[in-house]
């Protein structure tokens, strides 16, 4: 087989229906839009309109919110770590941090830290330094003879929740002006 012989499966793609190209095409003149009226013209945006009735997107209540301080962790299973060790990409005898995981190709980039999950088998003795770990993953690492160090959140992460408070604003102002806070 050559590159010029590649074909999609029969029926996988269909040709676009060309509208407004004469009565012989079956979609000529009004091009399937019907006759007259607002919707036969271009530039119509009345999809949420329900004939004057309150639209459903306004009848239903708003729910939830987006936490702007939420952390975005890399999630890594213990089975993935074991595979990287078996493939000689990670050194089990050294301390394994997010930087080593990036270098080994276990994760693509460091986000707000690495959280280890318990999916998979672990046989190697690991010394992990991560932002978070599940109970099952901790048990799997300790059962294999390894140890886990959970990194404490930095001062900035702790005070990020208090940005709106008067005390935090004062501290922020003092740091910006170079004064020592007491």
Protein backbone atom coordinates (compact mmCIF):
# COMPACT_ATOMS: atom_id res chain seq x y z
CA UNK A 1 0.00 0.00 0.00
CA UNK A 2 1.23 3.48 -0.88
CA UNK A 3 0.30 6.90 0.44
CA UNK A 4 -1.68 7.75 -2.70
CA UNK A 5 -3.73 4.55 -2.29
CA UNK A 6 -5.10 5.46 1.15
CA UNK A 7 -8.88 5.77 1.16
CA UNK A 8 -11.44 6.31 3.88
CA UNK A 9 -14.01 3.59 4.52
CA UNK A 10 -16.94 3.71 2.10
CA UNK A 11 -19.68 5.95 3.50
CA UNK A 12 -17.42 7.47 6.18
CA UNK A 13 -17.58 10.91 4.58
CA UNK A 14 -20.44 12.46 2.67
CA UNK A 15 -20.27 15.30 0.20
CA UNK A 16 -21.65 18.63 1.36
CA UNK A 17 -25.10 19.53 0.02
CA UNK A 18 -24.67 22.61 -2.17
CA UNK A 19 -27.76 24.77 -1.74
CA UNK A 20 -29.08 27.61 -3.88
CA UNK A 21 -27.69 26.21 -7.16
CA UNK A 22 -30.80 25.93 -9.32
CA UNK A 23 -34.10 24.02 -9.26
CA UNK A 24 -32.51 20.87 -10.69
CA UNK A 25 -30.49 20.33 -7.51
CA UNK A 26 -33.61 20.02 -5.33
CA UNK A 27 -32.29 22.72 -3.02
CA UNK A 28 -32.49 25.74 -5.31
CA UNK A 29 -34.22 29.12 -4.91
CA UNK A 30 -34.94 29.25 -1.14
CA UNK A 31 -32.22 26.68 -0.33
CA UNK A 32 -34.35 24.71 2.15
CA UNK A 33 -35.08 27.74 4.35
CA UNK A 34 -38.77 28.01 3.46
CA UNK A 35 -40.24 31.31 2.35
CA UNK A 36 -39.97 34.84 3.77
CA UNK A 37 -39.71 35.68 7.43
CA UNK A 38 -36.80 36.38 9.78
CA UNK A 39 -35.38 32.85 9.69
CA UNK A 40 -35.07 32.85 5.91
CA UNK A 41 -32.63 35.75 6.12
CA UNK A 42 -29.01 35.73 7.24
CA UNK A 43 -27.80 36.88 10.66
CA UNK A 44 -30.59 35.32 12.76
CA UNK A 45 -29.92 34.48 16.43
CA UNK A 46 -33.20 33.44 18.05
CA UNK A 47 -32.38 29.87 19.11
CA UNK A 48 -33.18 30.54 22.77
CA UNK A 49 -36.41 32.36 21.96
CA UNK A 50 -39.62 30.64 23.11
CA UNK A 51 -42.30 32.90 21.69
CA UNK A 52 -42.18 35.43 24.51
CA UNK A 53 -42.32 32.74 27.20
CA UNK A 54 -39.45 32.92 29.72
CA UNK A 55 -36.68 30.81 28.11
CA UNK A 56 -35.59 27.61 29.89
CA UNK A 57 -32.08 28.91 30.47
CA UNK A 58 -33.59 31.78 32.47
CA UNK A 59 -36.25 29.67 34.23
CA UNK A 60 -33.69 27.29 35.75
CA UNK A 61 -31.61 28.43 38.74
CA UNK A 62 -27.87 28.97 38.59
CA UNK A 63 -25.86 26.26 40.31
CA UNK A 64 -22.33 26.07 41.66
CA UNK A 65 -19.31 28.25 41.08
CA UNK A 66 -15.74 28.05 39.79
CA UNK A 67 -13.10 28.23 42.51
CA UNK A 68 -10.41 30.58 41.22
CA UNK A 69 -7.94 29.29 43.84
CA UNK A 70 -8.37 25.61 42.91
CA UNK A 71 -5.12 23.73 42.39
CA UNK A 72 -4.48 21.90 39.13
CA UNK A 73 -2.51 18.75 39.99
CA UNK A 74 -0.86 16.19 37.73
CA UNK A 75 -2.41 12.82 38.55
CA UNK A 76 -0.04 9.85 38.34
CA UNK A 77 -0.91 6.24 39.14
CA UNK A 78 1.57 4.00 40.97
CA UNK A 79 1.35 1.60 38.02
CA UNK A 80 2.62 4.37 35.71
CA UNK A 81 5.58 4.99 38.03
CA UNK A 82 6.36 1.25 38.06
CA UNK A 83 6.25 1.15 34.24
CA UNK A 84 8.69 4.09 34.04
CA UNK A 85 11.05 2.27 36.44
CA UNK A 86 10.77 -0.97 34.44
CA UNK A 87 11.56 0.97 31.24
CA UNK A 88 14.66 2.47 32.97
CA UNK A 89 13.30 6.02 32.65
CA UNK A 90 13.11 6.61 36.41
CA UNK A 91 15.76 5.67 38.99
CA UNK A 92 14.03 3.95 41.92
CA UNK A 93 16.98 4.50 44.26
CA UNK A 94 16.86 8.32 43.90
CA UNK A 95 14.21 10.67 45.30
CA UNK A 96 11.36 10.98 42.81
CA UNK A 97 9.96 14.51 42.43
CA UNK A 98 7.83 16.28 39.81
CA UNK A 99 10.98 17.44 38.00
CA UNK A 100 12.24 13.85 37.61
CA UNK A 101 8.80 12.77 36.36
CA UNK A 102 8.87 15.46 33.66
CA UNK A 103 12.37 14.40 32.60
CA UNK A 104 11.26 10.75 32.44
CA UNK A 105 8.15 11.61 30.41
CA UNK A 106 5.71 10.41 33.10
CA UNK A 107 4.03 13.83 33.12
CA UNK A 108 4.18 16.49 30.43
CA UNK A 109 4.73 19.56 32.62
CA UNK A 110 4.73 20.55 36.28
CA UNK A 111 1.44 22.14 37.24
CA UNK A 112 0.65 22.87 40.91
CA UNK A 113 2.22 19.58 41.97
CA UNK A 114 1.80 15.84 41.56
CA UNK A 115 -0.89 13.75 43.22
CA UNK A 116 -0.25 10.00 43.27
CA UNK A 117 -3.22 7.64 42.82
CA UNK A 118 -3.43 3.95 43.72
CA UNK A 119 -4.25 2.39 40.34
CA UNK A 120 -1.82 -0.36 39.29
CA UNK A 121 0.82 -2.57 40.91
CA UNK A 122 4.00 -1.32 42.57
CA UNK A 123 6.98 -3.55 43.33
CA UNK A 124 9.87 -1.05 43.43
CA UNK A 125 10.95 0.69 46.63
CA UNK A 126 10.31 4.41 46.01
CA UNK A 127 11.16 7.61 47.85
CA UNK A 128 8.43 10.01 46.66
CA UNK A 129 8.24 13.77 47.18
CA UNK A 130 4.80 14.89 45.98
CA UNK A 131 2.07 17.45 46.68
CA UNK A 132 -0.53 14.81 47.49
CA UNK A 133 -1.14 11.07 47.66
CA UNK A 134 -4.22 8.94 48.18
CA UNK A 135 -4.53 6.56 51.12
CA UNK A 136 -4.35 3.49 48.87
CA UNK A 137 -1.28 4.80 47.02
CA UNK A 138 0.50 5.54 50.31
CA UNK A 139 -0.22 1.99 51.48
CA UNK A 140 1.10 0.57 48.18
CA UNK A 141 4.34 2.57 48.43
CA UNK A 142 4.91 1.66 52.09
CA UNK A 143 4.05 -2.01 51.42
CA UNK A 144 6.82 -2.05 48.76
CA UNK A 145 9.23 -0.62 51.39
CA UNK A 146 9.25 2.98 50.16
CA UNK A 147 8.52 6.31 51.80
CA UNK A 148 6.39 9.35 50.97
CA UNK A 149 7.04 13.03 51.68
CA UNK A 150 4.02 15.27 51.16
CA UNK A 151 5.12 18.82 50.36
CA UNK A 152 3.53 21.48 52.56
CA UNK A 153 1.77 24.32 50.74
CA UNK A 154 3.83 27.48 50.43
CA UNK A 155 3.02 30.68 52.32
CA UNK A 156 1.61 32.24 49.13
CA UNK A 157 -0.75 29.29 48.65
CA UNK A 158 -1.98 29.52 52.24
CA UNK A 159 -2.61 33.28 52.05
CA UNK A 160 -4.21 33.06 48.60
CA UNK A 161 -7.48 32.13 50.31
CA UNK A 162 -7.28 35.26 52.47
CA UNK A 163 -6.65 37.76 49.67
CA UNK A 164 -9.99 39.46 50.32
CA UNK A 165 -9.36 40.02 54.05
CA UNK A 166 -8.16 43.33 55.45
CA UNK A 167 -5.09 41.74 57.08
CA UNK A 168 -3.91 40.15 53.81
CA UNK A 169 -4.37 43.42 51.91
CA UNK A 170 -2.28 45.22 54.55
CA UNK A 171 0.44 42.57 54.30
CA UNK A 172 0.40 42.79 50.52
CA UNK A 173 0.76 46.57 50.71
CA UNK A 174 3.65 46.32 53.22
CA UNK A 175 5.50 43.80 51.00
CA UNK A 176 5.00 46.00 47.93
CA UNK A 177 6.32 49.13 49.66
CA UNK A 178 9.28 47.25 51.20
CA UNK A 179 8.27 47.78 54.83
CA UNK A 180 8.74 45.03 57.37
CA UNK A 181 5.45 43.68 58.71
CA UNK A 182 5.16 43.26 62.45
